[in-house]
Protein backbone atom coordinates (compact mmCIF):
# COMPACT_ATOMS: atom_id res chain seq x y z
CA MET A 1 156.00 75.96 26.51
CA GLN A 2 157.38 73.10 28.59
CA ALA A 3 154.99 71.38 30.98
CA ALA A 4 155.78 71.75 34.66
CA ALA A 5 157.39 68.74 36.27
CA PRO A 6 155.28 66.81 38.76
CA PRO A 7 155.99 67.35 42.45
CA VAL A 8 159.02 65.44 43.70
CA ASP A 9 157.52 64.51 47.07
CA PRO A 10 156.42 60.83 46.80
CA ALA A 11 153.37 61.37 49.00
CA ALA A 12 152.30 64.32 46.86
CA ARG A 13 152.67 62.20 43.73
CA ARG A 14 150.43 59.50 45.17
CA SER A 15 147.69 61.91 46.20
CA TRP A 16 147.77 63.76 42.86
CA ARG A 17 148.02 60.82 40.51
CA ALA A 18 144.69 61.55 38.78
CA ARG A 19 145.52 65.19 38.13
CA LEU A 20 149.03 64.45 36.91
CA VAL A 21 147.75 62.12 34.21
CA ALA A 22 145.12 64.68 33.18
CA GLY A 23 147.58 66.46 30.90
CA PRO A 24 149.34 69.82 31.08
CA VAL A 25 146.46 71.69 32.73
CA GLY A 26 146.13 69.07 35.45
CA ARG A 27 149.89 69.11 36.01
CA ARG A 28 149.95 72.90 36.22
CA VAL A 29 147.10 72.91 38.77
CA ALA A 30 148.97 70.27 40.79
CA VAL A 31 152.18 72.32 40.80
CA VAL A 32 150.40 75.55 41.78
CA ASP A 33 148.43 73.66 44.43
CA LEU A 34 151.65 72.30 45.94
CA ARG A 35 153.35 75.71 45.95
CA LEU A 36 150.40 77.45 47.64
CA TYR A 37 149.97 74.56 50.05
CA ARG A 38 153.62 74.74 51.09
CA LEU A 39 153.43 78.53 51.42
CA LEU A 40 150.59 78.29 53.94
CA ARG A 41 151.93 75.17 55.65
CA VAL A 42 155.58 76.24 55.95
CA GLN A 43 156.33 79.92 55.33
CA LEU A 44 153.18 81.36 56.93
CA GLN A 45 152.93 79.05 59.94
CA VAL A 46 152.73 80.77 63.31
CA PRO A 47 152.90 78.05 65.98
CA ALA A 48 151.40 80.35 68.64
CA ALA A 49 148.29 80.79 66.47
CA GLU A 50 147.67 77.12 65.66
CA ASP A 51 145.36 76.41 68.62
CA HIS A 52 143.25 79.49 67.83
CA ILE A 53 143.04 78.57 64.15
CA ARG A 54 142.16 74.98 65.04
CA ARG A 55 139.33 76.08 67.35
CA PHE A 56 138.04 78.56 64.77
CA SER A 57 138.12 75.91 62.05
CA ASP A 58 136.26 73.47 64.30
CA LEU A 59 133.30 75.86 64.27
CA GLY A 60 132.85 75.04 60.59
CA GLN A 61 132.61 71.27 61.05
CA HIS A 62 129.44 70.03 59.37
CA ALA A 63 128.47 73.68 58.69
CA ALA A 64 127.66 74.09 62.41
CA LEU A 65 128.55 77.79 62.71
CA TRP A 66 126.46 78.75 59.71
CA LEU A 67 123.49 76.57 60.54
CA ALA A 68 123.46 77.94 64.09
CA LEU A 69 123.62 81.51 62.77
CA GLY A 70 120.64 80.97 60.48
CA ALA A 71 118.60 79.16 63.11
CA ALA A 72 119.34 81.68 65.87
CA ALA A 73 118.80 84.72 63.68
CA GLY A 74 115.55 83.24 62.43
CA ALA A 75 114.42 82.70 66.00
CA VAL A 76 114.98 86.33 67.02
CA ASP A 77 114.29 88.16 63.73
CA ARG A 78 110.58 87.41 63.39
CA ASP A 79 110.04 89.71 60.42
CA ARG A 80 112.64 87.88 58.33
CA ARG A 81 112.47 84.46 59.96
CA TRP A 82 111.61 82.52 56.83
CA ARG A 83 114.46 84.22 54.93
CA TRP A 84 117.00 83.22 57.60
CA TRP A 85 115.70 79.68 57.67
CA ARG A 86 115.70 79.45 53.90
CA GLY A 87 119.35 80.51 53.97
CA ALA A 88 120.12 77.90 56.63
CA THR A 89 118.39 75.25 54.53
CA VAL A 90 120.59 76.18 51.57
CA VAL A 91 123.69 75.99 53.78
CA GLY A 92 122.68 72.51 54.93
CA GLY A 93 121.97 71.50 51.36
CA SER A 94 125.36 72.75 50.22
CA TYR A 95 127.03 70.67 52.92
CA LEU A 96 125.12 67.55 51.85
CA LEU A 97 125.82 68.09 48.14
CA ASN A 98 129.49 68.72 48.88
CA THR A 99 129.66 65.46 50.83
CA ALA A 100 128.10 63.59 47.90
CA ILE A 101 130.57 65.14 45.45
CA LYS A 102 133.47 64.11 47.69
CA GLY A 103 132.23 60.53 47.54
CA VAL A 104 132.27 60.63 43.74
CA ILE A 105 135.59 62.47 43.22
CA ARG A 106 137.42 60.65 46.05
CA ARG A 107 140.54 62.85 46.10
CA GLU A 108 142.67 62.04 49.10
CA ARG A 109 143.66 64.69 51.60
CA PRO A 110 147.20 66.08 51.49
CA ALA A 111 149.80 63.61 52.74
CA LEU A 112 153.20 65.22 52.37
CA ASP A 113 156.30 64.01 54.16
CA GLY A 114 157.17 66.29 57.07
CA LEU A 115 153.83 68.18 56.92
CA PRO A 116 151.31 66.22 58.95
CA ALA A 117 147.79 67.54 59.29
CA LEU A 118 147.26 69.61 62.43
CA VAL A 119 143.65 68.42 62.93
CA ARG A 120 141.69 65.24 62.50
CA THR A 121 139.02 64.99 59.84
CA PRO A 122 135.82 62.94 59.60
CA THR A 123 136.91 61.42 56.25
CA ALA A 124 140.06 61.00 54.17
CA LEU A 125 138.39 62.79 51.23
CA SER A 126 139.42 66.26 50.22
CA PHE A 127 137.67 67.66 47.13
CA PRO A 128 135.80 69.96 47.41
CA SER A 129 136.18 71.50 50.86
CA ALA A 130 132.93 71.32 52.83
CA HIS A 131 134.14 74.13 55.09
CA ALA A 132 134.54 76.35 52.03
CA SER A 133 131.27 75.37 50.37
CA SER A 134 129.12 75.81 53.48
CA SER A 135 130.91 79.04 54.46
CA PHE A 136 130.52 80.67 51.07
CA ALA A 137 126.94 79.40 50.71
CA ALA A 138 126.19 81.07 54.05
CA ALA A 139 127.97 84.29 53.12
CA ARG A 140 126.01 84.50 49.87
CA ALA A 141 122.65 83.49 51.36
CA TYR A 142 122.87 85.65 54.49
CA SER A 143 124.43 88.70 52.82
CA CYS A 144 120.99 90.09 51.99
CA LEU A 145 120.16 89.96 55.71
CA MET A 146 123.34 91.36 57.29
CA PRO A 147 126.54 93.12 56.14
CA ALA A 148 128.28 91.09 53.45
CA GLY A 149 131.86 92.14 54.24
CA PRO A 150 132.17 90.38 57.60
CA LEU A 151 130.39 87.30 56.26
CA TYR A 152 132.78 86.91 53.34
CA ALA A 153 135.79 87.67 55.57
CA VAL A 154 134.82 84.88 57.97
CA ALA A 155 134.04 82.52 55.06
CA GLY A 156 137.44 83.21 53.50
CA ALA A 157 139.25 82.75 56.80
CA MET A 158 137.35 79.51 57.44
CA ALA A 159 138.32 78.15 54.02
CA LEU A 160 141.99 79.16 54.32
CA SER A 161 142.19 77.64 57.80
CA ARG A 162 141.76 74.22 56.21
CA VAL A 163 144.89 74.62 54.06
CA TYR A 164 146.78 76.16 56.98
CA LEU A 165 145.88 73.12 59.10
CA GLY A 166 146.99 70.76 56.33
CA VAL A 167 143.73 69.03 55.43
CA HIS A 168 142.98 70.61 52.04
CA TYR A 169 144.78 71.74 48.94
CA PRO A 170 144.03 75.28 47.72
CA SER A 171 142.08 73.90 44.75
CA ASP A 172 139.81 72.07 47.23
CA ILE A 173 138.82 75.34 48.86
CA ALA A 174 138.52 77.16 45.52
CA ALA A 175 136.10 74.52 44.23
CA GLY A 176 134.21 74.51 47.53
CA ALA A 177 133.90 78.30 47.48
CA ALA A 178 132.60 78.28 43.90
CA LEU A 179 130.06 75.58 44.75
CA GLY A 180 128.98 77.47 47.86
CA LEU A 181 128.55 80.77 46.04
CA ALA A 182 126.44 79.13 43.33
CA LEU A 183 124.23 77.34 45.84
CA GLY A 184 124.07 80.30 48.22
CA ALA A 185 122.42 82.37 45.53
CA ALA A 186 119.36 80.13 45.92
CA GLY A 187 119.06 81.24 49.54
CA ARG A 188 118.91 84.93 48.73
CA THR A 189 115.50 86.53 48.71
CA GLY A 190 116.32 90.16 48.17
CA GLY A 191 117.70 92.95 50.33
């Protein structure tokens, strides 16, 4: 089987250099990443929705939506207060761990010609997605306290919004989601 050719976009080559030298698996991930990224950034773009998606995505900055949910629910749900707050602590911890991992991995955010990011970001680092890790940590941790379906739907939409807005590759959100799910399990304390 012939290895997939690296992306032809010079900016994509620069931002993927480490994966492209990682061998055939790294090259294949890079090619799939680019194809999915372009699908969300080009074919599925709806200009009328961009402001709504941007505002929704902003709710996930620094895990704010999920930390506020855990704190507020803990304040009003006295019988399960400590469970909500434990979940919120895990969400905060997932955000901090994700930030530390980004500092070690140091993958740059997407920088493709003709596809500028639609939002600003606090750093130039991309892997893993903190929006995805905190969202999926929250969905996992809080799903024993409220219906899981809506939590996971919002977490998925939050993660995908980051690719749609051009600040993450799909593999960034996949890794963030996996990290969040693993860490979120620590916040669960039963049904």
